[in-house]
Amino acid sequence: MQEKTPSLSHTNPESWLKDHGDALYRYAFSRLRDTTQSEDLVQETLVAAFQGRHGFSGRSAERTWLIGILKNKLVDYLRKHAREVASGDMTGEDLDTEAMFDPSGNWKTPPSDWENPTRALEQKQFWKVMSKCLDALPSRHARVFSLCELEDFDSTEACKVFGISATNLWVLLHRARLRLRQCLENHWFGQKTSE
């Protein structure tokens, strides 16, 4: 059985930036929170896609293929820069967990009723607040959270990418979740929202 060479008629590299550039940038920025690096990764993605365009079989949408390449570029970037820790990223001193929990680990003040979180996720305004809350996280926490929770990497993969132990990963995720919970509580769920 002879293999069929994929046709390039379903892809046009000249239109990639116009057709997919914004989506690729939003994807990269939502994970990195860095304008310059997000732009660089989009550029690297488009170059890699152009170089590998003959391998694109057309079995997926063009954007899906490009985002797949971007994901690989993103993981490579995170792996390379995982050891760069901004000062204070590894400390949790500004997060007062003793004020949040009693000695047995229960909430001192239970979280407010988040009503319908599923509906909130569908609202664009929620994602604007979530983005601001992610921006407020130390960069290492935000990157670990994004990779594990937004990219759905399992802990073993994430530990390899960041070059950290499972315990360290758990601590970073725990701190990120606490900070995000607190931020969302203050800026979204604690507020009365309207559609």
C-alpha atoms as a PDB file:
ATOM      1  CA  MET A   1       0.000   0.000   0.000  1.00  0.00           C
ATOM      2  CA  GLN A   2       1.494   3.281  -1.106  1.00  0.00           C
ATOM      3  CA  GLU A   3       1.361   6.229   1.321  1.00  0.00           C
ATOM      4  CA  LYS A   4      -0.423   9.283   0.055  1.00  0.00           C
ATOM      5  CA  THR A   5       1.553  12.533   0.222  1.00  0.00           C
ATOM      6  CA  PRO A   6      -0.583  15.200   1.912  1.00  0.00           C
ATOM      7  CA  SER A   7      -1.734  18.043  -0.274  1.00  0.00           C
ATOM      8  CA  LEU A   8      -0.924  21.574   0.826  1.00  0.00           C
ATOM      9  CA  SER A   9      -4.041  22.959  -0.820  1.00  0.00           C
ATOM     10  CA  HIS A  10      -5.789  23.125   2.562  1.00  0.00           C
ATOM     11  CA  THR A  11      -3.173  25.386   4.174  1.00  0.00           C
ATOM     12  CA  ASN A  12      -1.892  28.809   3.222  1.00  0.00           C
ATOM     13  CA  PRO A  13       1.120  30.017   5.259  1.00  0.00           C
ATOM     14  CA  GLU A  14       0.627  33.544   3.956  1.00  0.00           C
ATOM     15  CA  SER A  15      -2.682  33.812   5.827  1.00  0.00           C
ATOM     16  CA  TRP A  16      -1.652  32.167   9.130  1.00  0.00           C
ATOM     17  CA  LEU A  17      -0.814  35.392  10.938  1.00  0.00           C
ATOM     18  CA  LYS A  18      -4.008  37.133   9.805  1.00  0.00           C
ATOM     19  CA  ASP A  19      -6.267  34.109  10.379  1.00  0.00           C
ATOM     20  CA  HIS A  20      -4.741  32.682  13.564  1.00  0.00           C
ATOM     21  CA  GLY A  21      -2.294  35.205  15.007  1.00  0.00           C
ATOM     22  CA  ASP A  22      -4.694  36.677  17.570  1.00  0.00           C
ATOM     23  CA  ALA A  23      -5.830  33.261  18.793  1.00  0.00           C
ATOM     24  CA  LEU A  24      -2.242  32.033  19.073  1.00  0.00           C
ATOM     25  CA  TYR A  25      -1.210  35.169  20.959  1.00  0.00           C
ATOM     26  CA  ARG A  26      -4.163  34.921  23.381  1.00  0.00           C
ATOM     27  CA  TYR A  27      -3.314  31.275  24.012  1.00  0.00           C
ATOM     28  CA  ALA A  28       0.352  32.026  24.723  1.00  0.00           C
ATOM     29  CA  PHE A  29      -0.383  35.109  26.825  1.00  0.00           C
ATOM     30  CA  SER A  30      -2.968  33.304  28.943  1.00  0.00           C
ATOM     31  CA  ARG A  31      -0.248  30.818  29.902  1.00  0.00           C
ATOM     32  CA  LEU A  32       2.794  33.094  30.199  1.00  0.00           C
ATOM     33  CA  ARG A  33       1.375  36.485  31.217  1.00  0.00           C
ATOM     34  CA  ASP A  34       4.247  38.083  29.285  1.00  0.00           C
ATOM     35  CA  THR A  35       3.567  40.163  26.159  1.00  0.00           C
ATOM     36  CA  THR A  36       7.029  40.000  24.619  1.00  0.00           C
ATOM     37  CA  GLN A  37       7.549  36.294  25.231  1.00  0.00           C
ATOM     38  CA  SER A  38       4.048  35.484  23.952  1.00  0.00           C
ATOM     39  CA  GLU A  39       4.768  37.375  20.725  1.00  0.00           C
ATOM     40  CA  ASP A  40       8.110  35.569  20.379  1.00  0.00           C
ATOM     41  CA  LEU A  41       6.481  32.167  20.851  1.00  0.00           C
ATOM     42  CA  VAL A  42       3.835  32.951  18.229  1.00  0.00           C
ATOM     43  CA  GLN A  43       6.596  33.940  15.823  1.00  0.00           C
ATOM     44  CA  GLU A  44       8.559  30.753  16.600  1.00  0.00           C
ATOM     45  CA  THR A  45       5.355  28.742  16.108  1.00  0.00           C
ATOM     46  CA  LEU A  46       4.727  30.231  12.681  1.00  0.00           C
ATOM     47  CA  VAL A  47       8.337  29.626  11.610  1.00  0.00           C
ATOM     48  CA  ALA A  48       8.203  26.003  12.831  1.00  0.00           C
ATOM     49  CA  ALA A  49       4.846  25.494  11.113  1.00  0.00           C
ATOM     50  CA  PHE A  50       6.222  26.888   7.856  1.00  0.00           C
ATOM     51  CA  GLN A  51       9.259  24.602   8.082  1.00  0.00           C
ATOM     52  CA  GLY A  52       7.050  21.595   8.838  1.00  0.00           C
ATOM     53  CA  ARG A  53       4.117  22.501   6.606  1.00  0.00           C
ATOM     54  CA  HIS A  54       4.671  19.453   4.378  1.00  0.00           C
ATOM     55  CA  GLY A  55       3.933  17.240   7.393  1.00  0.00           C
ATOM     56  CA  PHE A  56       0.502  18.806   7.935  1.00  0.00           C
ATOM     57  CA  SER A  57      -1.964  16.209   6.708  1.00  0.00           C
ATOM     58  CA  GLY A  58      -5.119  18.248   7.106  1.00  0.00           C
ATOM     59  CA  ARG A  59      -6.715  15.719   9.460  1.00  0.00           C
ATOM     60  CA  SER A  60      -7.223  18.525  11.984  1.00  0.00           C
ATOM     61  CA  ALA A  61      -8.141  22.155  11.591  1.00  0.00           C
ATOM     62  CA  GLU A  62      -5.253  24.442  10.686  1.00  0.00           C
ATOM     63  CA  ARG A  63      -5.645  26.381  13.948  1.00  0.00           C
ATOM     64  CA  THR A  64      -5.611  23.162  15.987  1.00  0.00           C
ATOM     65  CA  TRP A  65      -2.370  22.151  14.276  1.00  0.00           C
ATOM     66  CA  LEU A  66      -0.802  25.570  14.944  1.00  0.00           C
ATOM     67  CA  ILE A  67      -1.873  25.552  18.598  1.00  0.00           C
ATOM     68  CA  GLY A  68      -0.348  22.081  18.930  1.00  0.00           C
ATOM     69  CA  ILE A  69       2.965  23.480  17.723  1.00  0.00           C
ATOM     70  CA  LEU A  70       2.577  26.448  20.091  1.00  0.00           C
ATOM     71  CA  LYS A  71       1.966  24.079  23.024  1.00  0.00           C
ATOM     72  CA  ASN A  72       5.260  22.345  22.311  1.00  0.00           C
ATOM     73  CA  LYS A  73       7.057  25.708  22.068  1.00  0.00           C
ATOM     74  CA  LEU A  74       5.434  26.756  25.338  1.00  0.00           C
ATOM     75  CA  VAL A  75       6.550  23.603  27.150  1.00  0.00           C
ATOM     76  CA  ASP A  76      10.083  24.029  25.782  1.00  0.00           C
ATOM     77  CA  TYR A  77      10.134  27.627  26.997  1.00  0.00           C
ATOM     78  CA  LEU A  78       8.815  26.687  30.456  1.00  0.00           C
ATOM     79  CA  ARG A  79      11.305  23.862  30.763  1.00  0.00           C
ATOM     80  CA  LYS A  80      14.182  26.161  29.814  1.00  0.00           C
ATOM     81  CA  HIS A  81      13.133  28.948  32.184  1.00  0.00           C
ATOM     82  CA  ALA A  82      11.770  26.819  35.030  1.00  0.00           C
ATOM     83  CA  ARG A  83      14.762  27.488  37.249  1.00  0.00           C
ATOM     84  CA  GLU A  84      14.480  31.253  36.882  1.00  0.00           C
ATOM     85  CA  VAL A  85      12.638  32.287  39.990  1.00  0.00           C
ATOM     86  CA  ALA A  86      11.823  35.904  40.616  1.00  0.00           C
ATOM     87  CA  SER A  87      12.672  36.969  44.146  1.00  0.00           C
ATOM     88  CA  GLY A  88       9.835  36.137  46.465  1.00  0.00           C
ATOM     89  CA  ASP A  89       8.235  33.615  44.139  1.00  0.00           C
ATOM     90  CA  MET A  90       9.017  30.708  46.423  1.00  0.00           C
ATOM     91  CA  THR A  91       7.869  32.349  49.631  1.00  0.00           C
ATOM     92  CA  GLY A  92       4.340  32.329  50.887  1.00  0.00           C
ATOM     93  CA  GLU A  93       4.948  34.963  53.540  1.00  0.00           C
ATOM     94  CA  ASP A  94       2.356  37.367  52.145  1.00  0.00           C
ATOM     95  CA  LEU A  95      -0.317  34.648  52.264  1.00  0.00           C
ATOM     96  CA  ASP A  96      -1.509  34.336  55.850  1.00  0.00           C
ATOM     97  CA  THR A  97      -2.819  30.763  55.980  1.00  0.00           C
ATOM     98  CA  GLU A  98      -3.098  30.891  59.776  1.00  0.00           C
ATOM     99  CA  ALA A  99      -5.700  33.626  59.419  1.00  0.00           C
ATOM    100  CA  MET A 100      -7.603  31.477  56.911  1.00  0.00           C
ATOM    101  CA  PHE A 101      -7.624  28.091  58.695  1.00  0.00           C
ATOM    102  CA  ASP A 102      -8.068  26.853  62.230  1.00  0.00           C
ATOM    103  CA  PRO A 103      -5.562  24.348  63.754  1.00  0.00           C
ATOM    104  CA  SER A 104      -7.568  21.399  62.414  1.00  0.00           C
ATOM    105  CA  GLY A 105      -7.362  22.714  58.838  1.00  0.00           C
ATOM    106  CA  ASN A 106     -10.946  23.938  58.501  1.00  0.00           C
ATOM    107  CA  TRP A 107     -11.826  27.346  57.090  1.00  0.00           C
ATOM    108  CA  LYS A 108     -12.178  29.990  59.821  1.00  0.00           C
ATOM    109  CA  THR A 109     -14.542  31.886  57.535  1.00  0.00           C
ATOM    110  CA  PRO A 110     -16.233  29.577  55.057  1.00  0.00           C
ATOM    111  CA  PRO A 111     -16.091  30.687  51.428  1.00  0.00           C
ATOM    112  CA  SER A 112     -19.136  32.630  50.296  1.00  0.00           C
ATOM    113  CA  ASP A 113     -21.667  30.841  48.141  1.00  0.00           C
ATOM    114  CA  TRP A 114     -20.398  30.921  44.587  1.00  0.00           C
ATOM    115  CA  GLU A 115     -23.934  30.360  43.333  1.00  0.00           C
ATOM    116  CA  ASN A 116     -23.447  28.831  39.898  1.00  0.00           C
ATOM    117  CA  PRO A 117     -19.712  28.518  39.064  1.00  0.00           C
ATOM    118  CA  THR A 118     -20.478  26.851  35.726  1.00  0.00           C
ATOM    119  CA  ARG A 119     -22.420  29.879  34.535  1.00  0.00           C
ATOM    120  CA  ALA A 120     -19.666  32.180  35.782  1.00  0.00           C
ATOM    121  CA  LEU A 121     -17.089  30.295  33.722  1.00  0.00           C
ATOM    122  CA  GLU A 122     -19.101  31.008  30.626  1.00  0.00           C
ATOM    123  CA  GLN A 123     -19.089  34.729  31.225  1.00  0.00           C
ATOM    124  CA  LYS A 124     -16.378  36.728  29.518  1.00  0.00           C
ATOM    125  CA  GLN A 125     -16.179  39.085  32.479  1.00  0.00           C
ATOM    126  CA  PHE A 126     -15.181  36.196  34.722  1.00  0.00           C
ATOM    127  CA  TRP A 127     -12.191  35.446  32.489  1.00  0.00           C
ATOM    128  CA  LYS A 128     -11.115  39.077  32.640  1.00  0.00           C
ATOM    129  CA  VAL A 129     -11.106  38.881  36.441  1.00  0.00           C
ATOM    130  CA  MET A 130      -9.412  35.474  36.348  1.00  0.00           C
ATOM    131  CA  SER A 131      -6.735  36.900  34.068  1.00  0.00           C
ATOM    132  CA  LYS A 132      -6.092  39.763  36.496  1.00  0.00           C
ATOM    133  CA  CYS A 133      -5.909  37.298  39.377  1.00  0.00           C
ATOM    134  CA  LEU A 134      -3.385  35.185  37.456  1.00  0.00           C
ATOM    135  CA  ASP A 135      -1.393  38.352  36.750  1.00  0.00           C
ATOM    136  CA  ALA A 136      -1.255  39.015  40.491  1.00  0.00           C
ATOM    137  CA  LEU A 137       0.345  35.630  41.180  1.00  0.00           C
ATOM    138  CA  PRO A 138       4.118  35.306  41.329  1.00  0.00           C
ATOM    139  CA  SER A 139       5.224  34.247  37.840  1.00  0.00           C
ATOM    140  CA  ARG A 140       6.349  30.759  38.872  1.00  0.00           C
ATOM    141  CA  HIS A 141       3.032  30.047  40.597  1.00  0.00           C
ATOM    142  CA  ALA A 142       1.087  31.316  37.574  1.00  0.00           C
ATOM    143  CA  ARG A 143       3.093  29.191  35.162  1.00  0.00           C
ATOM    144  CA  VAL A 144       2.750  26.035  37.248  1.00  0.00           C
ATOM    145  CA  PHE A 145      -0.982  26.653  37.703  1.00  0.00           C
ATOM    146  CA  SER A 146      -1.490  27.335  33.985  1.00  0.00           C
ATOM    147  CA  LEU A 147       0.376  24.233  32.896  1.00  0.00           C
ATOM    148  CA  CYS A 148      -1.360  21.918  35.368  1.00  0.00           C
ATOM    149  CA  GLU A 149      -4.848  23.387  35.397  1.00  0.00           C
ATOM    150  CA  LEU A 150      -5.258  25.027  31.987  1.00  0.00           C
ATOM    151  CA  GLU A 151      -3.077  22.679  29.940  1.00  0.00           C
ATOM    152  CA  ASP A 152      -4.122  19.651  32.012  1.00  0.00           C
ATOM    153  CA  PHE A 153      -0.579  18.313  32.412  1.00  0.00           C
ATOM    154  CA  ASP A 154      -0.294  15.572  34.983  1.00  0.00           C
ATOM    155  CA  SER A 155       2.030  16.086  37.933  1.00  0.00           C
ATOM    156  CA  THR A 156       4.803  13.869  36.550  1.00  0.00           C
ATOM    157  CA  GLU A 157       4.952  15.860  33.299  1.00  0.00           C
ATOM    158  CA  ALA A 158       4.804  19.181  35.148  1.00  0.00           C
ATOM    159  CA  CYS A 159       7.626  18.154  37.492  1.00  0.00           C
ATOM    160  CA  LYS A 160       9.783  17.313  34.469  1.00  0.00           C
ATOM    161  CA  VAL A 161       9.009  20.612  32.749  1.00  0.00           C
ATOM    162  CA  PHE A 162       9.849  22.690  35.815  1.00  0.00           C
ATOM    163  CA  GLY A 163      12.602  20.440  37.165  1.00  0.00           C
ATOM    164  CA  ILE A 164      10.984  20.239  40.603  1.00  0.00           C
ATOM    165  CA  SER A 165       9.862  17.540  43.006  1.00  0.00           C
ATOM    166  CA  ALA A 166       6.247  16.441  43.362  1.00  0.00           C
ATOM    167  CA  THR A 167       6.186  18.023  46.829  1.00  0.00           C
ATOM    168  CA  ASN A 168       7.394  21.360  45.477  1.00  0.00           C
ATOM    169  CA  LEU A 169       4.797  21.175  42.704  1.00  0.00           C
ATOM    170  CA  TRP A 170       2.057  20.522  45.242  1.00  0.00           C
ATOM    171  CA  VAL A 171       3.191  23.495  47.355  1.00  0.00           C
ATOM    172  CA  LEU A 172       3.256  25.825  44.319  1.00  0.00           C
ATOM    173  CA  LEU A 173      -0.195  24.661  43.189  1.00  0.00           C
ATOM    174  CA  HIS A 174      -1.594  24.931  46.712  1.00  0.00           C
ATOM    175  CA  ARG A 175      -0.323  28.486  47.103  1.00  0.00           C
ATOM    176  CA  ALA A 176      -1.560  29.455  43.641  1.00  0.00           C
ATOM    177  CA  ARG A 177      -5.020  28.036  44.347  1.00  0.00           C
ATOM    178  CA  LEU A 178      -5.246  29.814  47.698  1.00  0.00           C
ATOM    179  CA  ARG A 179      -4.256  33.125  46.152  1.00  0.00           C
ATOM    180  CA  LEU A 180      -6.615  32.657  43.218  1.00  0.00           C
ATOM    181  CA  ARG A 181      -9.437  31.701  45.547  1.00  0.00           C
ATOM    182  CA  GLN A 182      -8.826  34.797  47.638  1.00  0.00           C
ATOM    183  CA  CYS A 183      -8.607  37.042  44.568  1.00  0.00           C
ATOM    184  CA  LEU A 184     -11.752  35.581  42.977  1.00  0.00           C
ATOM    185  CA  GLU A 185     -13.550  35.805  46.295  1.00  0.00           C
ATOM    186  CA  ASN A 186     -12.679  39.502  46.521  1.00  0.00           C
ATOM    187  CA  HIS A 187     -13.205  40.472  42.887  1.00  0.00           C
ATOM    188  CA  TRP A 188     -15.819  38.119  41.508  1.00  0.00           C
ATOM    189  CA  PHE A 189     -17.730  35.659  43.655  1.00  0.00           C
ATOM    190  CA  GLY A 190     -17.966  37.965  46.652  1.00  0.00           C
ATOM    191  CA  GLN A 191     -19.559  40.586  44.381  1.00  0.00           C
ATOM    192  CA  LYS A 192     -23.091  40.465  43.098  1.00  0.00           C
ATOM    193  CA  THR A 193     -22.744  39.747  39.390  1.00  0.00           C
ATOM    194  CA  SER A 194     -25.228  40.575  36.699  1.00  0.00           C
ATOM    195  CA  GLU A 195     -25.462  39.171  33.238  1.00  0.00           C
END
